């Protein structure tokens, strides 16, 4: 099947900020049921959006978007807080397009999964199902803190390498900041062990302006209203759609994946949401589903590609978003 790709469609949010969006869809026919995937890691990176081609070949229009303030999108990035409104606006926009049937699902893992949960709590009318994987139930425990201790190892790498460095490059391209500042940040990232040993933890001046949220995280060292306001686990009663949850035994967000599954079964905002939570967990780590881990090999048949995790999600969406009676409702809800 031939695929049509539209690049950098600028989708307006409620405040006028426009987010860069790519659309993958079958070249012929339509309209199509629609899937959205929103990410802060650059929609041009094939490893981030590879499943979009298969989803489009399976008869879906797939909307892939740089989140606010990231890469080709306008605005300023503030992790998690902007995702409810932007997610709802993107889903509504996608449902209105002539190539869409108006039925929408959401997909993706890690931060992509966070964008799904945060949009779903706003109960978008067009949203029928979701497939969040390797993601958390709140962004305090496991993501930023662990048992009250700041997750310095994860947070510094994530903030420097995945968030602040690209933002520094983006600002430099717009004439903001200096090449020297970018070079200093690259040096610090290359010598991360020095940062790990630096005290106090707020002594990371290169993150000022490009990642002020890092200092907010340090300032909110307990699970207070700052964290509660963006925690999916606080709003399960507002989420009304079924979810296909995927986790890994070695993933840092396994606790959150289990919490989301159990919480939605008990407290989901509709009978459909409570009765149709599914969970798949395998011997995988964060973003790696090969079926082996240091000093552990669980065999060829444990790999995510072998058991076809993407195909499982397509089957999920075929029922809930396309309306195909394919037996999904009769599947056992948990696969380990």
C-alpha atoms as a PDB file:
ATOM      1  CA  UNK A   1       0.000   0.000   0.000  1.00  0.00           C
ATOM      2  CA  UNK A   2       1.323   3.439  -0.922  1.00  0.00           C
ATOM      3  CA  UNK A   3       1.501   6.040   1.842  1.00  0.00           C
ATOM      4  CA  UNK A   4       1.018   9.804   1.560  1.00  0.00           C
ATOM      5  CA  UNK A   5       2.994  11.940   4.026  1.00  0.00           C
ATOM      6  CA  UNK A   6       2.235  15.598   4.726  1.00  0.00           C
ATOM      7  CA  UNK A   7       5.063  17.350   6.554  1.00  0.00           C
ATOM      8  CA  UNK A   8       4.962  20.217   9.044  1.00  0.00           C
ATOM      9  CA  UNK A   9       1.280  21.054   8.956  1.00  0.00           C
ATOM     10  CA  UNK A  10       0.995  23.797  11.580  1.00  0.00           C
ATOM     11  CA  UNK A  11      -1.937  22.942  13.842  1.00  0.00           C
ATOM     12  CA  UNK A  12      -3.318  25.838  15.938  1.00  0.00           C
ATOM     13  CA  UNK A  13      -3.916  25.387  19.646  1.00  0.00           C
ATOM     14  CA  UNK A  14      -6.540  27.306  21.632  1.00  0.00           C
ATOM     15  CA  UNK A  15      -4.049  30.087  22.482  1.00  0.00           C
ATOM     16  CA  UNK A  16      -2.893  30.526  18.880  1.00  0.00           C
ATOM     17  CA  UNK A  17       0.399  28.639  19.226  1.00  0.00           C
ATOM     18  CA  UNK A  18       0.927  26.297  16.260  1.00  0.00           C
ATOM     19  CA  UNK A  19       2.370  22.812  16.582  1.00  0.00           C
ATOM     20  CA  UNK A  20       4.252  21.122  13.736  1.00  0.00           C
ATOM     21  CA  UNK A  21       2.460  17.976  12.649  1.00  0.00           C
ATOM     22  CA  UNK A  22       3.100  15.227  10.096  1.00  0.00           C
ATOM     23  CA  UNK A  23       0.285  13.100   8.683  1.00  0.00           C
ATOM     24  CA  UNK A  24       0.832   9.567   7.374  1.00  0.00           C
ATOM     25  CA  UNK A  25      -2.131   8.015   5.579  1.00  0.00           C
ATOM     26  CA  UNK A  26      -2.996   5.627   2.744  1.00  0.00           C
ATOM     27  CA  UNK A  27      -2.523   7.300  -0.631  1.00  0.00           C
ATOM     28  CA  UNK A  28      -5.948   6.213  -1.860  1.00  0.00           C
ATOM     29  CA  UNK A  29      -9.410   5.995  -0.364  1.00  0.00           C
ATOM     30  CA  UNK A  30     -10.568   7.438   2.894  1.00  0.00           C
ATOM     31  CA  UNK A  31     -11.656   8.860   5.160  1.00  0.00           C
ATOM     32  CA  UNK A  32      -9.662   6.848   7.699  1.00  0.00           C
ATOM     33  CA  UNK A  33      -9.832   6.176  11.419  1.00  0.00           C
ATOM     34  CA  UNK A  34      -7.107   8.273  12.987  1.00  0.00           C
ATOM     35  CA  UNK A  35      -4.291   7.752  15.483  1.00  0.00           C
ATOM     36  CA  UNK A  36      -2.312  10.521  17.152  1.00  0.00           C
ATOM     37  CA  UNK A  37       1.190  10.414  18.583  1.00  0.00           C
ATOM     38  CA  UNK A  38       2.711  13.445  20.305  1.00  0.00           C
ATOM     39  CA  UNK A  39       6.388  13.595  21.265  1.00  0.00           C
ATOM     40  CA  UNK A  40       9.102  16.001  22.465  1.00  0.00           C
ATOM     41  CA  UNK A  41      11.973  14.101  20.779  1.00  0.00           C
ATOM     42  CA  UNK A  42      11.676  15.182  17.123  1.00  0.00           C
ATOM     43  CA  UNK A  43       9.075  13.697  14.808  1.00  0.00           C
ATOM     44  CA  UNK A  44      11.736  13.504  12.061  1.00  0.00           C
ATOM     45  CA  UNK A  45      13.585  10.732  13.923  1.00  0.00           C
ATOM     46  CA  UNK A  46      12.638   7.422  12.326  1.00  0.00           C
ATOM     47  CA  UNK A  47      13.263   5.382  15.484  1.00  0.00           C
ATOM     48  CA  UNK A  48      10.612   7.482  17.223  1.00  0.00           C
ATOM     49  CA  UNK A  49       7.893   7.131  14.595  1.00  0.00           C
ATOM     50  CA  UNK A  50       8.657   3.852  12.813  1.00  0.00           C
ATOM     51  CA  UNK A  51       5.329   2.216  13.690  1.00  0.00           C
ATOM     52  CA  UNK A  52       3.477   5.051  11.932  1.00  0.00           C
ATOM     53  CA  UNK A  53       4.212   3.519   8.545  1.00  0.00           C
ATOM     54  CA  UNK A  54       2.742   0.180   9.553  1.00  0.00           C
ATOM     55  CA  UNK A  55      -0.292   1.840  11.110  1.00  0.00           C
ATOM     56  CA  UNK A  56      -0.896   3.796   7.902  1.00  0.00           C
ATOM     57  CA  UNK A  57      -0.503   0.615   5.856  1.00  0.00           C
ATOM     58  CA  UNK A  58      -3.161  -0.915   8.114  1.00  0.00           C
ATOM     59  CA  UNK A  59      -5.667   1.713   7.052  1.00  0.00           C
ATOM     60  CA  UNK A  60      -5.148   4.536   9.544  1.00  0.00           C
ATOM     61  CA  UNK A  61      -4.366   8.202   9.211  1.00  0.00           C
ATOM     62  CA  UNK A  62      -1.541   8.771  11.684  1.00  0.00           C
ATOM     63  CA  UNK A  63      -0.913  12.225  13.144  1.00  0.00           C
ATOM     64  CA  UNK A  64       2.605  12.734  14.564  1.00  0.00           C
ATOM     65  CA  UNK A  65       3.316  15.997  16.350  1.00  0.00           C
ATOM     66  CA  UNK A  66       6.230  17.797  17.980  1.00  0.00           C
ATOM     67  CA  UNK A  67       4.905  18.941  21.337  1.00  0.00           C
ATOM     68  CA  UNK A  68       4.804  22.621  22.236  1.00  0.00           C
ATOM     69  CA  UNK A  69       8.203  24.298  22.221  1.00  0.00           C
ATOM     70  CA  UNK A  70       9.979  21.329  20.666  1.00  0.00           C
ATOM     71  CA  UNK A  71      11.788  21.212  17.321  1.00  0.00           C
ATOM     72  CA  UNK A  72       9.495  22.567  14.572  1.00  0.00           C
ATOM     73  CA  UNK A  73       6.645  23.572  16.903  1.00  0.00           C
ATOM     74  CA  UNK A  74       6.040  27.034  18.281  1.00  0.00           C
ATOM     75  CA  UNK A  75       5.786  28.010  21.938  1.00  0.00           C
ATOM     76  CA  UNK A  76       7.725  27.167  25.085  1.00  0.00           C
ATOM     77  CA  UNK A  77       8.147  23.665  26.493  1.00  0.00           C
ATOM     78  CA  UNK A  78       7.049  22.948  30.055  1.00  0.00           C
ATOM     79  CA  UNK A  79       6.945  19.177  30.530  1.00  0.00           C
ATOM     80  CA  UNK A  80       3.533  17.666  31.254  1.00  0.00           C
ATOM     81  CA  UNK A  81       1.651  20.866  32.102  1.00  0.00           C
ATOM     82  CA  UNK A  82       0.795  21.852  28.518  1.00  0.00           C
ATOM     83  CA  UNK A  83      -0.211  18.364  27.386  1.00  0.00           C
ATOM     84  CA  UNK A  84      -3.870  18.204  28.509  1.00  0.00           C
ATOM     85  CA  UNK A  85      -4.984  21.220  26.470  1.00  0.00           C
ATOM     86  CA  UNK A  86      -2.687  20.630  23.515  1.00  0.00           C
ATOM     87  CA  UNK A  87      -3.638  16.959  23.394  1.00  0.00           C
ATOM     88  CA  UNK A  88      -7.358  17.719  23.369  1.00  0.00           C
ATOM     89  CA  UNK A  89      -6.942  20.392  20.686  1.00  0.00           C
ATOM     90  CA  UNK A  90      -4.883  18.052  18.501  1.00  0.00           C
ATOM     91  CA  UNK A  91      -7.409  15.221  18.798  1.00  0.00           C
ATOM     92  CA  UNK A  92     -10.279  17.581  17.946  1.00  0.00           C
ATOM     93  CA  UNK A  93      -8.348  18.998  14.978  1.00  0.00           C
ATOM     94  CA  UNK A  94      -7.555  15.521  13.649  1.00  0.00           C
ATOM     95  CA  UNK A  95     -11.192  14.416  13.959  1.00  0.00           C
ATOM     96  CA  UNK A  96     -12.342  17.395  11.852  1.00  0.00           C
ATOM     97  CA  UNK A  97     -10.051  16.734   8.894  1.00  0.00           C
ATOM     98  CA  UNK A  98     -11.554  15.455   5.619  1.00  0.00           C
ATOM     99  CA  UNK A  99      -9.254  12.419   5.661  1.00  0.00           C
ATOM    100  CA  UNK A 100     -10.535  11.356   9.124  1.00  0.00           C
ATOM    101  CA  UNK A 101     -13.660   9.404  10.035  1.00  0.00           C
ATOM    102  CA  UNK A 102     -13.756  11.406  13.260  1.00  0.00           C
ATOM    103  CA  UNK A 103     -12.793   8.370  15.336  1.00  0.00           C
ATOM    104  CA  UNK A 104      -9.440   8.833  17.083  1.00  0.00           C
ATOM    105  CA  UNK A 105      -7.047   6.711  19.125  1.00  0.00           C
ATOM    106  CA  UNK A 106      -3.747   7.651  20.760  1.00  0.00           C
ATOM    107  CA  UNK A 107      -0.495   5.708  20.913  1.00  0.00           C
ATOM    108  CA  UNK A 108       3.128   5.808  22.031  1.00  0.00           C
ATOM    109  CA  UNK A 109       5.364   5.165  25.012  1.00  0.00           C
ATOM    110  CA  UNK A 110       7.241   6.986  27.756  1.00  0.00           C
ATOM    111  CA  UNK A 111       6.570  10.740  27.386  1.00  0.00           C
ATOM    112  CA  UNK A 112       4.314   9.887  24.401  1.00  0.00           C
ATOM    113  CA  UNK A 113       2.313   7.837  26.904  1.00  0.00           C
ATOM    114  CA  UNK A 114       2.147  10.771  29.295  1.00  0.00           C
ATOM    115  CA  UNK A 115       0.626  12.922  26.558  1.00  0.00           C
ATOM    116  CA  UNK A 116      -2.087  10.277  26.124  1.00  0.00           C
ATOM    117  CA  UNK A 117      -3.087  10.045  29.780  1.00  0.00           C
ATOM    118  CA  UNK A 118      -3.066  13.813  30.213  1.00  0.00           C
ATOM    119  CA  UNK A 119      -5.270  14.357  27.158  1.00  0.00           C
ATOM    120  CA  UNK A 120      -7.626  11.508  28.073  1.00  0.00           C
ATOM    121  CA  UNK A 121      -8.461  13.083  31.439  1.00  0.00           C
ATOM    122  CA  UNK A 122     -10.097  15.949  29.531  1.00  0.00           C
ATOM    123  CA  UNK A 123     -12.466  13.435  27.872  1.00  0.00           C
ATOM    124  CA  UNK A 124     -12.035  14.502  24.219  1.00  0.00           C
ATOM    125  CA  UNK A 125     -15.227  13.671  22.362  1.00  0.00           C
ATOM    126  CA  UNK A 126     -13.479  11.976  19.422  1.00  0.00           C
ATOM    127  CA  UNK A 127     -11.150   9.809  21.535  1.00  0.00           C
ATOM    128  CA  UNK A 128     -12.235   6.162  21.548  1.00  0.00           C
ATOM    129  CA  UNK A 129      -9.172   4.221  22.753  1.00  0.00           C
ATOM    130  CA  UNK A 130      -5.546   4.547  23.749  1.00  0.00           C
ATOM    131  CA  UNK A 131      -2.375   2.453  23.836  1.00  0.00           C
ATOM    132  CA  UNK A 132       0.055   3.935  26.380  1.00  0.00           C
ATOM    133  CA  UNK A 133       3.217   1.971  27.043  1.00  0.00           C
ATOM    134  CA  UNK A 134       6.240   2.145  29.336  1.00  0.00           C
ATOM    135  CA  UNK A 135       4.869   5.231  31.057  1.00  0.00           C
ATOM    136  CA  UNK A 136       4.027   6.354  34.568  1.00  0.00           C
ATOM    137  CA  UNK A 137       0.980   7.026  36.722  1.00  0.00           C
ATOM    138  CA  UNK A 138       2.486  10.207  38.116  1.00  0.00           C
ATOM    139  CA  UNK A 139       5.574  12.228  37.344  1.00  0.00           C
ATOM    140  CA  UNK A 140       6.915  12.473  40.872  1.00  0.00           C
ATOM    141  CA  UNK A 141       7.452   8.853  41.898  1.00  0.00           C
ATOM    142  CA  UNK A 142       9.748   6.815  39.614  1.00  0.00           C
ATOM    143  CA  UNK A 143      10.026   9.610  37.035  1.00  0.00           C
ATOM    144  CA  UNK A 144      11.582  12.433  39.079  1.00  0.00           C
ATOM    145  CA  UNK A 145      11.899  11.004  42.580  1.00  0.00           C
ATOM    146  CA  UNK A 146      12.233   7.488  43.974  1.00  0.00           C
ATOM    147  CA  UNK A 147      11.124   7.012  47.558  1.00  0.00           C
ATOM    148  CA  UNK A 148      11.712  10.710  48.185  1.00  0.00           C
ATOM    149  CA  UNK A 149      15.192  10.763  46.614  1.00  0.00           C
ATOM    150  CA  UNK A 150      15.767  12.852  43.503  1.00  0.00           C
ATOM    151  CA  UNK A 151      16.380  10.607  40.475  1.00  0.00           C
ATOM    152  CA  UNK A 152      19.608  12.400  39.583  1.00  0.00           C
ATOM    153  CA  UNK A 153      20.934   9.702  37.253  1.00  0.00           C
ATOM    154  CA  UNK A 154      17.863   9.620  35.046  1.00  0.00           C
ATOM    155  CA  UNK A 155      16.814  13.262  35.316  1.00  0.00           C
ATOM    156  CA  UNK A 156      20.170  14.793  34.377  1.00  0.00           C
ATOM    157  CA  UNK A 157      20.566  12.574  31.308  1.00  0.00           C
ATOM    158  CA  UNK A 158      16.957  13.134  30.236  1.00  0.00           C
ATOM    159  CA  UNK A 159      17.004  16.874  30.860  1.00  0.00           C
ATOM    160  CA  UNK A 160      20.428  17.531  29.342  1.00  0.00           C
ATOM    161  CA  UNK A 161      20.480  15.088  26.452  1.00  0.00           C
ATOM    162  CA  UNK A 162      16.861  14.856  25.368  1.00  0.00           C
ATOM    163  CA  UNK A 163      15.409  18.228  26.336  1.00  0.00           C
ATOM    164  CA  UNK A 164      17.879  21.054  27.006  1.00  0.00           C
ATOM    165  CA  UNK A 165      20.499  20.347  24.328  1.00  0.00           C
ATOM    166  CA  UNK A 166      18.002  20.305  21.432  1.00  0.00           C
ATOM    167  CA  UNK A 167      16.348  23.398  22.871  1.00  0.00           C
ATOM    168  CA  UNK A 168      19.695  25.196  23.087  1.00  0.00           C
ATOM    169  CA  UNK A 169      20.313  24.334  19.409  1.00  0.00           C
ATOM    170  CA  UNK A 170      16.811  25.503  18.503  1.00  0.00           C
ATOM    171  CA  UNK A 171      17.317  28.826  20.251  1.00  0.00           C
ATOM    172  CA  UNK A 172      20.708  29.328  18.628  1.00  0.00           C
ATOM    173  CA  UNK A 173      19.155  28.826  15.188  1.00  0.00           C
ATOM    174  CA  UNK A 174      16.703  31.617  16.065  1.00  0.00           C
ATOM    175  CA  UNK A 175      19.524  33.955  17.083  1.00  0.00           C
ATOM    176  CA  UNK A 176      19.058  33.394  20.809  1.00  0.00           C
ATOM    177  CA  UNK A 177      22.033  32.447  22.965  1.00  0.00           C
ATOM    178  CA  UNK A 178      25.597  31.824  21.850  1.00  0.00           C
ATOM    179  CA  UNK A 179      27.636  29.051  20.283  1.00  0.00           C
ATOM    180  CA  UNK A 180      29.832  29.150  23.383  1.00  0.00           C
ATOM    181  CA  UNK A 181      26.845  28.271  25.587  1.00  0.00           C
ATOM    182  CA  UNK A 182      26.011  25.337  23.342  1.00  0.00           C
ATOM    183  CA  UNK A 183      29.626  24.174  23.481  1.00  0.00           C
ATOM    184  CA  UNK A 184      29.647  24.373  27.271  1.00  0.00           C
ATOM    185  CA  UNK A 185      26.468  22.324  27.451  1.00  0.00           C
ATOM    186  CA  UNK A 186      27.925  19.681  25.123  1.00  0.00           C
ATOM    187  CA  UNK A 187      31.033  19.566  27.313  1.00  0.00           C
ATOM    188  CA  UNK A 188      28.974  19.071  30.471  1.00  0.00           C
ATOM    189  CA  UNK A 189      26.894  16.366  28.826  1.00  0.00           C
ATOM    190  CA  UNK A 190      30.095  14.603  27.761  1.00  0.00           C
ATOM    191  CA  UNK A 191      31.340  14.786  31.367  1.00  0.00           C
ATOM    192  CA  UNK A 192      28.114  13.833  33.096  1.00  0.00           C
ATOM    193  CA  UNK A 193      29.942  12.159  35.982  1.00  0.00           C
ATOM    194  CA  UNK A 194      31.188  15.589  37.056  1.00  0.00           C
ATOM    195  CA  UNK A 195      27.596  16.841  37.201  1.00  0.00           C
ATOM    196  CA  UNK A 196      26.562  13.860  39.308  1.00  0.00           C
ATOM    197  CA  UNK A 197      29.130  14.857  41.917  1.00  0.00           C
ATOM    198  CA  UNK A 198      28.246  18.551  41.958  1.00  0.00           C
ATOM    199  CA  UNK A 199      26.449  20.023  44.951  1.00  0.00           C
ATOM    200  CA  UNK A 200      24.059  21.630  45.521  1.00  0.00           C
ATOM    201  CA  UNK A 201      21.814  20.020  42.908  1.00  0.00           C
ATOM    202  CA  UNK A 202      20.580  23.431  41.789  1.00  0.00           C
ATOM    203  CA  UNK A 203      24.116  24.338  40.695  1.00  0.00           C
ATOM    204  CA  UNK A 204      23.534  23.662  36.996  1.00  0.00           C
ATOM    205  CA  UNK A 205      23.550  27.172  35.498  1.00  0.00           C
ATOM    206  CA  UNK A 206      23.466  25.949  31.889  1.00  0.00           C
ATOM    207  CA  UNK A 207      19.911  24.706  32.446  1.00  0.00           C
ATOM    208  CA  UNK A 208      18.680  28.193  33.302  1.00  0.00           C
ATOM    209  CA  UNK A 209      16.259  29.562  30.688  1.00  0.00           C
ATOM    210  CA  UNK A 210      16.332  26.412  28.520  1.00  0.00           C
ATOM    211  CA  UNK A 211      15.141  24.058  31.284  1.00  0.00           C
ATOM    212  CA  UNK A 212      13.768  26.084  34.194  1.00  0.00           C
ATOM    213  CA  UNK A 213      11.437  23.177  34.950  1.00  0.00           C
ATOM    214  CA  UNK A 214      14.452  21.254  36.340  1.00  0.00           C
ATOM    215  CA  UNK A 215      14.602  23.745  39.199  1.00  0.00           C
ATOM    216  CA  UNK A 216      10.834  23.483  39.710  1.00  0.00           C
ATOM    217  CA  UNK A 217      11.240  19.725  40.164  1.00  0.00           C
ATOM    218  CA  UNK A 218      13.892  20.273  42.826  1.00  0.00           C
ATOM    219  CA  UNK A 219      11.727  22.862  44.574  1.00  0.00           C
ATOM    220  CA  UNK A 220       8.831  20.399  44.807  1.00  0.00           C
ATOM    221  CA  UNK A 221      10.583  17.568  46.629  1.00  0.00           C
ATOM    222  CA  UNK A 222       7.392  15.980  47.971  1.00  0.00           C
ATOM    223  CA  UNK A 223       4.224  14.798  46.270  1.00  0.00           C
ATOM    224  CA  UNK A 224       2.402  18.117  46.561  1.00  0.00           C
ATOM    225  CA  UNK A 225      -0.253  19.906  44.503  1.00  0.00           C
ATOM    226  CA  UNK A 226       2.318  20.676  41.796  1.00  0.00           C
ATOM    227  CA  UNK A 227       2.649  16.957  41.066  1.00  0.00           C
ATOM    228  CA  UNK A 228      -0.964  16.029  41.814  1.00  0.00           C
ATOM    229  CA  UNK A 229      -2.188  18.476  39.172  1.00  0.00           C
ATOM    230  CA  UNK A 230      -0.473  16.471  36.408  1.00  0.00           C
ATOM    231  CA  UNK A 231      -0.794  12.931  37.792  1.00  0.00           C
ATOM    232  CA  UNK A 232      -2.967  10.508  35.784  1.00  0.00           C
ATOM    233  CA  UNK A 233      -3.585   8.501  38.972  1.00  0.00           C
ATOM    234  CA  UNK A 234      -5.468  11.478  40.410  1.00  0.00           C
ATOM    235  CA  UNK A 235      -7.952  11.605  37.519  1.00  0.00           C
ATOM    236  CA  UNK A 236      -8.861   8.038  36.540  1.00  0.00           C
ATOM    237  CA  UNK A 237     -12.522   8.885  37.188  1.00  0.00           C
ATOM    238  CA  UNK A 238     -12.362  11.382  34.313  1.00  0.00           C
ATOM    239  CA  UNK A 239     -10.925   8.909  31.776  1.00  0.00           C
ATOM    240  CA  UNK A 240     -13.635   7.056  29.881  1.00  0.00           C
ATOM    241  CA  UNK A 241     -11.831   5.035  27.183  1.00  0.00           C
ATOM    242  CA  UNK A 242     -10.261   1.555  27.093  1.00  0.00           C
ATOM    243  CA  UNK A 243      -6.473   1.335  27.219  1.00  0.00           C
ATOM    244  CA  UNK A 244      -3.926  -1.201  25.982  1.00  0.00           C
ATOM    245  CA  UNK A 245      -1.070  -0.879  28.485  1.00  0.00           C
ATOM    246  CA  UNK A 246       2.405  -2.235  27.715  1.00  0.00           C
ATOM    247  CA  UNK A 247       5.221  -2.475  30.255  1.00  0.00           C
ATOM    248  CA  UNK A 248       8.592  -4.114  30.836  1.00  0.00           C
ATOM    249  CA  UNK A 249       9.856  -5.988  33.867  1.00  0.00           C
ATOM    250  CA  UNK A 250      13.062  -3.933  33.695  1.00  0.00           C
ATOM    251  CA  UNK A 251      11.449  -0.615  32.792  1.00  0.00           C
ATOM    252  CA  UNK A 252      11.838   2.252  35.241  1.00  0.00           C
ATOM    253  CA  UNK A 253       8.113   3.017  34.884  1.00  0.00           C
ATOM    254  CA  UNK A 254       6.825  -0.512  35.538  1.00  0.00           C
ATOM    255  CA  UNK A 255       5.195   0.575  38.797  1.00  0.00           C
ATOM    256  CA  UNK A 256       3.309   3.299  36.955  1.00  0.00           C
ATOM    257  CA  UNK A 257       2.184   0.928  34.213  1.00  0.00           C
ATOM    258  CA  UNK A 258       0.747  -1.458  36.806  1.00  0.00           C
ATOM    259  CA  UNK A 259      -0.845   1.410  38.735  1.00  0.00           C
ATOM    260  CA  UNK A 260      -2.534   2.726  35.591  1.00  0.00           C
ATOM    261  CA  UNK A 261      -3.932  -0.697  34.722  1.00  0.00           C
ATOM    262  CA  UNK A 262      -5.203  -1.433  38.230  1.00  0.00           C
ATOM    263  CA  UNK A 263      -6.419   2.106  38.857  1.00  0.00           C
ATOM    264  CA  UNK A 264      -8.426   2.289  35.656  1.00  0.00           C
ATOM    265  CA  UNK A 265     -10.022  -1.113  36.308  1.00  0.00           C
ATOM    266  CA  UNK A 266     -11.230   0.137  39.686  1.00  0.00           C
ATOM    267  CA  UNK A 267     -11.865   3.831  39.097  1.00  0.00           C
ATOM    268  CA  UNK A 268     -12.183   4.404  35.351  1.00  0.00           C
ATOM    269  CA  UNK A 269     -14.808   6.959  34.365  1.00  0.00           C
ATOM    270  CA  UNK A 270     -17.028   4.569  32.374  1.00  0.00           C
ATOM    271  CA  UNK A 271     -18.005   0.910  32.388  1.00  0.00           C
ATOM    272  CA  UNK A 272     -16.151   0.428  29.096  1.00  0.00           C
ATOM    273  CA  UNK A 273     -12.988   1.929  30.576  1.00  0.00           C
ATOM    274  CA  UNK A 274     -13.173  -0.230  33.706  1.00  0.00           C
ATOM    275  CA  UNK A 275     -14.007  -3.445  31.871  1.00  0.00           C
ATOM    276  CA  UNK A 276     -11.559  -3.080  28.995  1.00  0.00           C
ATOM    277  CA  UNK A 277      -8.142  -2.353  30.379  1.00  0.00           C
ATOM    278  CA  UNK A 278      -5.543  -4.678  28.891  1.00  0.00           C
ATOM    279  CA  UNK A 279      -1.965  -5.224  30.022  1.00  0.00           C
ATOM    280  CA  UNK A 280       1.050  -6.835  28.345  1.00  0.00           C
ATOM    281  CA  UNK A 281       4.342  -7.115  30.231  1.00  0.00           C
ATOM    282  CA  UNK A 282       7.497  -8.775  28.970  1.00  0.00           C
ATOM    283  CA  UNK A 283      11.215  -9.025  29.792  1.00  0.00           C
ATOM    284  CA  UNK A 284      11.894  -5.602  28.342  1.00  0.00           C
ATOM    285  CA  UNK A 285      13.503  -2.362  29.470  1.00  0.00           C
ATOM    286  CA  UNK A 286      12.765   1.246  28.595  1.00  0.00           C
ATOM    287  CA  UNK A 287      12.367   1.423  24.833  1.00  0.00           C
ATOM    288  CA  UNK A 288      14.076  -1.924  24.250  1.00  0.00           C
ATOM    289  CA  UNK A 289      11.967  -5.034  23.694  1.00  0.00           C
ATOM    290  CA  UNK A 290      14.631  -7.472  22.474  1.00  0.00           C
ATOM    291  CA  UNK A 291      13.957 -10.017  25.213  1.00  0.00           C
ATOM    292  CA  UNK A 292      17.349  -9.846  26.878  1.00  0.00           C
ATOM    293  CA  UNK A 293      18.897  -7.736  29.592  1.00  0.00           C
ATOM    294  CA  UNK A 294      22.443  -7.625  31.000  1.00  0.00           C
ATOM    295  CA  UNK A 295      23.298 -11.194  32.066  1.00  0.00           C
ATOM    296  CA  UNK A 296      19.777 -12.358  31.186  1.00  0.00           C
ATOM    297  CA  UNK A 297      18.479 -13.795  27.926  1.00  0.00           C
ATOM    298  CA  UNK A 298      14.826 -14.764  27.883  1.00  0.00           C
ATOM    299  CA  UNK A 299      14.910 -16.354  24.461  1.00  0.00           C
ATOM    300  CA  UNK A 300      14.026 -15.389  20.929  1.00  0.00           C
ATOM    301  CA  UNK A 301      10.292 -15.822  21.454  1.00  0.00           C
ATOM    302  CA  UNK A 302      10.223 -13.162  24.180  1.00  0.00           C
ATOM    303  CA  UNK A 303      11.146 -10.323  21.819  1.00  0.00           C
ATOM    304  CA  UNK A 304       8.554  -7.631  21.230  1.00  0.00           C
ATOM    305  CA  UNK A 305       8.981  -7.839  17.469  1.00  0.00           C
ATOM    306  CA  UNK A 306       8.530 -11.615  17.544  1.00  0.00           C
ATOM    307  CA  UNK A 307       5.271 -11.485  19.495  1.00  0.00           C
ATOM    308  CA  UNK A 308       4.347  -8.433  17.388  1.00  0.00           C
ATOM    309  CA  UNK A 309       3.524  -5.702  19.884  1.00  0.00           C
ATOM    310  CA  UNK A 310       2.690  -3.345  17.027  1.00  0.00           C
ATOM    311  CA  UNK A 311       0.270  -5.901  15.606  1.00  0.00           C
ATOM    312  CA  UNK A 312      -1.407  -6.258  18.999  1.00  0.00           C
ATOM    313  CA  UNK A 313      -1.996  -2.521  19.094  1.00  0.00           C
ATOM    314  CA  UNK A 314      -3.336  -2.496  15.536  1.00  0.00           C
ATOM    315  CA  UNK A 315      -5.771  -5.248  16.493  1.00  0.00           C
ATOM    316  CA  UNK A 316      -6.799  -3.168  19.527  1.00  0.00           C
ATOM    317  CA  UNK A 317      -7.443  -0.087  17.439  1.00  0.00           C
ATOM    318  CA  UNK A 318      -9.145  -2.124  14.708  1.00  0.00           C
ATOM    319  CA  UNK A 319     -11.855  -2.938  17.219  1.00  0.00           C
ATOM    320  CA  UNK A 320     -12.170   0.257  19.230  1.00  0.00           C
ATOM    321  CA  UNK A 321     -11.436   2.854  16.545  1.00  0.00           C
ATOM    322  CA  UNK A 322     -12.357   1.066  13.291  1.00  0.00           C
ATOM    323  CA  UNK A 323     -15.267  -0.848  14.768  1.00  0.00           C
ATOM    324  CA  UNK A 324     -14.119  -4.306  13.630  1.00  0.00           C
ATOM    325  CA  UNK A 325     -15.513  -7.259  15.580  1.00  0.00           C
ATOM    326  CA  UNK A 326     -12.255  -9.188  15.929  1.00  0.00           C
ATOM    327  CA  UNK A 327     -12.576 -10.788  19.359  1.00  0.00           C
ATOM    328  CA  UNK A 328     -10.592  -8.189  21.317  1.00  0.00           C
ATOM    329  CA  UNK A 329     -13.330  -8.001  23.953  1.00  0.00           C
ATOM    330  CA  UNK A 330     -12.938 -11.729  24.583  1.00  0.00           C
ATOM    331  CA  UNK A 331      -9.135 -11.632  24.924  1.00  0.00           C
ATOM    332  CA  UNK A 332      -7.655 -12.300  28.338  1.00  0.00           C
ATOM    333  CA  UNK A 333      -6.893  -8.862  29.765  1.00  0.00           C
ATOM    334  CA  UNK A 334      -3.387  -9.684  31.014  1.00  0.00           C
ATOM    335  CA  UNK A 335      -0.507 -11.271  29.092  1.00  0.00           C
ATOM    336  CA  UNK A 336       2.835 -11.825  30.832  1.00  0.00           C
END
